[in-house]
Amino acid sequence: MTKFIALTFLFTLFFGQNTSFAVAQDELTVIIETAIRNGNAQNLAQYFNTNLQLRIDGKSNVYSKRQAEAMMSDFFSLNKPVKFLITGEHVTENQISIMGTLNTKAKTFRILYRISDCNGKRLISYLEIETAEQL
């Protein structure tokens, strides 16, 4: 019984503090997933930080919100989404990382994005898109 209590305490200690960020992000992650699934760069960009690191097929840089929106608009115009499926997430006290698979008409992509606490708002600070063949 003591081992069970100790394990319960450790589980709560390590994972319990992180659930508040995940619960707070639930609505936001659904909005972001929907924007990706629909290929809507404008809706997605509403949740970009002022500057964010964007990596598309190995090309990485820090871009302004507007630049990143334009790049995502170009990406979606070339790669019409068919299906987006979340494959994993990792939650820490200040950030949530979400991985997913985006199927388009032509290719399959792996997507990773990070939502961070940015000046009291939860925004995308990192977005990576790689073709599945590059993995």
C-alpha atoms as a PDB file:
ATOM      1  CA  MET A   1       0.000   0.000   0.000  1.00  0.00           C
ATOM      2  CA  THR A   2       2.858   2.380   0.833  1.00  0.00           C
ATOM      3  CA  LYS A   3       4.389   1.775  -2.606  1.00  0.00           C
ATOM      4  CA  PHE A   4       1.064   2.592  -4.255  1.00  0.00           C
ATOM      5  CA  ILE A   5       0.790   5.869  -2.327  1.00  0.00           C
ATOM      6  CA  ALA A   6       4.390   6.739  -3.172  1.00  0.00           C
ATOM      7  CA  LEU A   7       3.837   5.982  -6.876  1.00  0.00           C
ATOM      8  CA  THR A   8       0.612   7.986  -6.882  1.00  0.00           C
ATOM      9  CA  PHE A   9       2.441  10.910  -5.276  1.00  0.00           C
ATOM     10  CA  LEU A  10       5.288  10.729  -7.812  1.00  0.00           C
ATOM     11  CA  PHE A  11       2.847  10.498 -10.719  1.00  0.00           C
ATOM     12  CA  THR A  12       0.950  13.531  -9.437  1.00  0.00           C
ATOM     13  CA  LEU A  13       4.176  15.407  -8.799  1.00  0.00           C
ATOM     14  CA  PHE A  14       5.546  14.831 -12.300  1.00  0.00           C
ATOM     15  CA  PHE A  15       2.376  14.873 -14.346  1.00  0.00           C
ATOM     16  CA  GLY A  16      -0.235  16.634 -12.253  1.00  0.00           C
ATOM     17  CA  GLN A  17       1.364  20.071 -12.466  1.00  0.00           C
ATOM     18  CA  ASN A  18       1.457  19.856 -16.240  1.00  0.00           C
ATOM     19  CA  THR A  19      -2.190  19.056 -16.765  1.00  0.00           C
ATOM     20  CA  SER A  20      -3.306  22.644 -16.103  1.00  0.00           C
ATOM     21  CA  PHE A  21      -1.356  23.837 -19.148  1.00  0.00           C
ATOM     22  CA  ALA A  22      -2.808  20.993 -21.227  1.00  0.00           C
ATOM     23  CA  VAL A  23      -6.367  21.727 -20.101  1.00  0.00           C
ATOM     24  CA  ALA A  24      -5.903  25.444 -20.779  1.00  0.00           C
ATOM     25  CA  GLN A  25      -4.568  24.584 -24.219  1.00  0.00           C
ATOM     26  CA  ASP A  26      -7.379  22.202 -25.146  1.00  0.00           C
ATOM     27  CA  GLU A  27      -9.502  24.806 -26.955  1.00  0.00           C
ATOM     28  CA  LEU A  28      -6.452  26.434 -28.535  1.00  0.00           C
ATOM     29  CA  THR A  29      -5.045  23.150 -29.831  1.00  0.00           C
ATOM     30  CA  VAL A  30      -8.394  22.299 -31.418  1.00  0.00           C
ATOM     31  CA  ILE A  31      -8.437  25.689 -33.187  1.00  0.00           C
ATOM     32  CA  ILE A  32      -4.858  25.190 -34.410  1.00  0.00           C
ATOM     33  CA  GLU A  33      -5.560  21.614 -35.546  1.00  0.00           C
ATOM     34  CA  THR A  34      -8.607  22.824 -37.464  1.00  0.00           C
ATOM     35  CA  ALA A  35      -6.613  25.592 -39.165  1.00  0.00           C
ATOM     36  CA  ILE A  36      -3.958  23.066 -40.258  1.00  0.00           C
ATOM     37  CA  ARG A  37      -6.567  20.516 -41.336  1.00  0.00           C
ATOM     38  CA  ASN A  38      -8.337  23.171 -43.428  1.00  0.00           C
ATOM     39  CA  GLY A  39      -5.114  24.671 -44.793  1.00  0.00           C
ATOM     40  CA  ASN A  40      -6.075  28.073 -43.411  1.00  0.00           C
ATOM     41  CA  ALA A  41      -2.879  30.090 -42.914  1.00  0.00           C
ATOM     42  CA  GLN A  42      -4.770  33.200 -41.798  1.00  0.00           C
ATOM     43  CA  ASN A  43      -6.505  31.406 -38.910  1.00  0.00           C
ATOM     44  CA  LEU A  44      -3.294  29.612 -37.989  1.00  0.00           C
ATOM     45  CA  ALA A  45      -1.307  32.875 -37.947  1.00  0.00           C
ATOM     46  CA  GLN A  46      -3.665  34.377 -35.371  1.00  0.00           C
ATOM     47  CA  TYR A  47      -1.878  32.118 -32.881  1.00  0.00           C
ATOM     48  CA  PHE A  48       1.700  32.842 -34.010  1.00  0.00           C
ATOM     49  CA  ASN A  49       3.989  34.699 -31.648  1.00  0.00           C
ATOM     50  CA  THR A  50       5.275  38.068 -32.924  1.00  0.00           C
ATOM     51  CA  ASN A  51       8.343  36.193 -34.201  1.00  0.00           C
ATOM     52  CA  LEU A  52       8.596  32.446 -34.515  1.00  0.00           C
ATOM     53  CA  GLN A  53      11.003  29.855 -35.766  1.00  0.00           C
ATOM     54  CA  LEU A  54       9.585  28.250 -38.894  1.00  0.00           C
ATOM     55  CA  ARG A  55      11.172  25.234 -40.550  1.00  0.00           C
ATOM     56  CA  ILE A  56       9.759  23.888 -43.806  1.00  0.00           C
ATOM     57  CA  ASP A  57      11.542  20.978 -45.502  1.00  0.00           C
ATOM     58  CA  GLY A  58      14.868  21.770 -43.863  1.00  0.00           C
ATOM     59  CA  LYS A  59      14.810  25.529 -44.441  1.00  0.00           C
ATOM     60  CA  SER A  60      14.714  27.208 -41.059  1.00  0.00           C
ATOM     61  CA  ASN A  61      14.722  30.798 -39.887  1.00  0.00           C
ATOM     62  CA  VAL A  62      13.041  33.160 -37.459  1.00  0.00           C
ATOM     63  CA  TYR A  63      10.243  35.018 -39.211  1.00  0.00           C
ATOM     64  CA  SER A  64       7.800  37.736 -38.284  1.00  0.00           C
ATOM     65  CA  LYS A  65       4.187  36.741 -37.846  1.00  0.00           C
ATOM     66  CA  ARG A  66       3.288  38.194 -41.273  1.00  0.00           C
ATOM     67  CA  GLN A  67       6.207  36.506 -43.039  1.00  0.00           C
ATOM     68  CA  ALA A  68       5.331  33.167 -41.454  1.00  0.00           C
ATOM     69  CA  GLU A  69       1.677  33.571 -42.465  1.00  0.00           C
ATOM     70  CA  ALA A  70       2.721  34.231 -46.079  1.00  0.00           C
ATOM     71  CA  MET A  71       4.988  31.183 -46.056  1.00  0.00           C
ATOM     72  CA  MET A  72       2.234  28.991 -44.641  1.00  0.00           C
ATOM     73  CA  SER A  73      -0.204  30.354 -47.210  1.00  0.00           C
ATOM     74  CA  ASP A  74       2.250  29.363 -49.959  1.00  0.00           C
ATOM     75  CA  PHE A  75       2.746  25.953 -48.350  1.00  0.00           C
ATOM     76  CA  PHE A  76      -0.988  25.259 -48.166  1.00  0.00           C
ATOM     77  CA  SER A  77      -1.586  26.468 -51.735  1.00  0.00           C
ATOM     78  CA  LEU A  78       1.002  23.931 -52.947  1.00  0.00           C
ATOM     79  CA  ASN A  79      -0.063  21.198 -50.522  1.00  0.00           C
ATOM     80  CA  LYS A  80      -3.834  20.971 -50.098  1.00  0.00           C
ATOM     81  CA  PRO A  81      -4.555  19.203 -46.795  1.00  0.00           C
ATOM     82  CA  VAL A  82      -6.655  16.060 -46.882  1.00  0.00           C
ATOM     83  CA  LYS A  83      -6.217  14.847 -43.297  1.00  0.00           C
ATOM     84  CA  PHE A  84      -4.376  15.956 -40.163  1.00  0.00           C
ATOM     85  CA  LEU A  85      -3.899  13.542 -37.282  1.00  0.00           C
ATOM     86  CA  ILE A  86      -2.241  14.309 -33.947  1.00  0.00           C
ATOM     87  CA  THR A  87       0.302  11.589 -33.184  1.00  0.00           C
ATOM     88  CA  GLY A  88       1.723  12.814 -29.885  1.00  0.00           C
ATOM     89  CA  GLU A  89       2.156  15.624 -27.432  1.00  0.00           C
ATOM     90  CA  HIS A  90       4.531  16.583 -24.676  1.00  0.00           C
ATOM     91  CA  VAL A  91       3.499  19.001 -21.958  1.00  0.00           C
ATOM     92  CA  THR A  92       5.797  20.928 -19.648  1.00  0.00           C
ATOM     93  CA  GLU A  93       5.006  23.694 -17.222  1.00  0.00           C
ATOM     94  CA  ASN A  94       5.449  26.493 -19.804  1.00  0.00           C
ATOM     95  CA  GLN A  95       5.046  24.772 -23.148  1.00  0.00           C
ATOM     96  CA  ILE A  96       3.208  22.100 -25.064  1.00  0.00           C
ATOM     97  CA  SER A  97       4.693  20.367 -28.115  1.00  0.00           C
ATOM     98  CA  ILE A  98       2.338  18.673 -30.538  1.00  0.00           C
ATOM     99  CA  MET A  99       3.305  16.281 -33.307  1.00  0.00           C
ATOM    100  CA  GLY A 100       1.067  15.263 -36.137  1.00  0.00           C
ATOM    101  CA  THR A 101       0.865  13.804 -39.600  1.00  0.00           C
ATOM    102  CA  LEU A 102      -0.532  15.926 -42.416  1.00  0.00           C
ATOM    103  CA  ASN A 103      -1.717  14.082 -45.497  1.00  0.00           C
ATOM    104  CA  THR A 104      -2.041  16.233 -48.586  1.00  0.00           C
ATOM    105  CA  LYS A 105      -3.074  15.357 -52.106  1.00  0.00           C
ATOM    106  CA  ALA A 106       0.555  14.847 -53.137  1.00  0.00           C
ATOM    107  CA  LYS A 107       2.649  14.129 -50.022  1.00  0.00           C
ATOM    108  CA  THR A 108       2.626  13.241 -46.359  1.00  0.00           C
ATOM    109  CA  PHE A 109       4.245  15.612 -43.868  1.00  0.00           C
ATOM    110  CA  ARG A 110       5.262  15.419 -40.237  1.00  0.00           C
ATOM    111  CA  ILE A 111       4.333  18.553 -38.316  1.00  0.00           C
ATOM    112  CA  LEU A 112       5.667  19.656 -34.958  1.00  0.00           C
ATOM    113  CA  TYR A 113       4.600  22.857 -33.256  1.00  0.00           C
ATOM    114  CA  ARG A 114       5.218  24.328 -29.845  1.00  0.00           C
ATOM    115  CA  ILE A 115       2.820  26.511 -27.937  1.00  0.00           C
ATOM    116  CA  SER A 116       4.623  28.640 -25.376  1.00  0.00           C
ATOM    117  CA  ASP A 117       3.616  31.184 -22.794  1.00  0.00           C
ATOM    118  CA  CYS A 118       4.511  34.471 -24.535  1.00  0.00           C
ATOM    119  CA  ASN A 119       3.862  37.567 -22.416  1.00  0.00           C
ATOM    120  CA  GLY A 120       0.844  35.984 -20.769  1.00  0.00           C
ATOM    121  CA  LYS A 121      -0.609  34.588 -24.016  1.00  0.00           C
ATOM    122  CA  ARG A 122      -0.294  31.055 -25.295  1.00  0.00           C
ATOM    123  CA  LEU A 123       1.075  31.263 -28.846  1.00  0.00           C
ATOM    124  CA  ILE A 124       2.932  29.158 -31.396  1.00  0.00           C
ATOM    125  CA  SER A 125       6.641  29.881 -31.036  1.00  0.00           C
ATOM    126  CA  TYR A 126       7.956  27.056 -33.240  1.00  0.00           C
ATOM    127  CA  LEU A 127       6.537  25.295 -36.289  1.00  0.00           C
ATOM    128  CA  GLU A 128       8.285  22.555 -38.251  1.00  0.00           C
ATOM    129  CA  ILE A 129       7.035  20.799 -41.381  1.00  0.00           C
ATOM    130  CA  GLU A 130       9.039  17.971 -42.939  1.00  0.00           C
ATOM    131  CA  THR A 131       8.089  15.583 -45.695  1.00  0.00           C
ATOM    132  CA  ALA A 132       7.677  12.042 -44.426  1.00  0.00           C
ATOM    133  CA  GLU A 133      10.378  10.871 -46.846  1.00  0.00           C
ATOM    134  CA  GLN A 134      12.943  13.055 -45.041  1.00  0.00           C
ATOM    135  CA  LEU A 135      12.373  11.242 -41.744  1.00  0.00           C
END
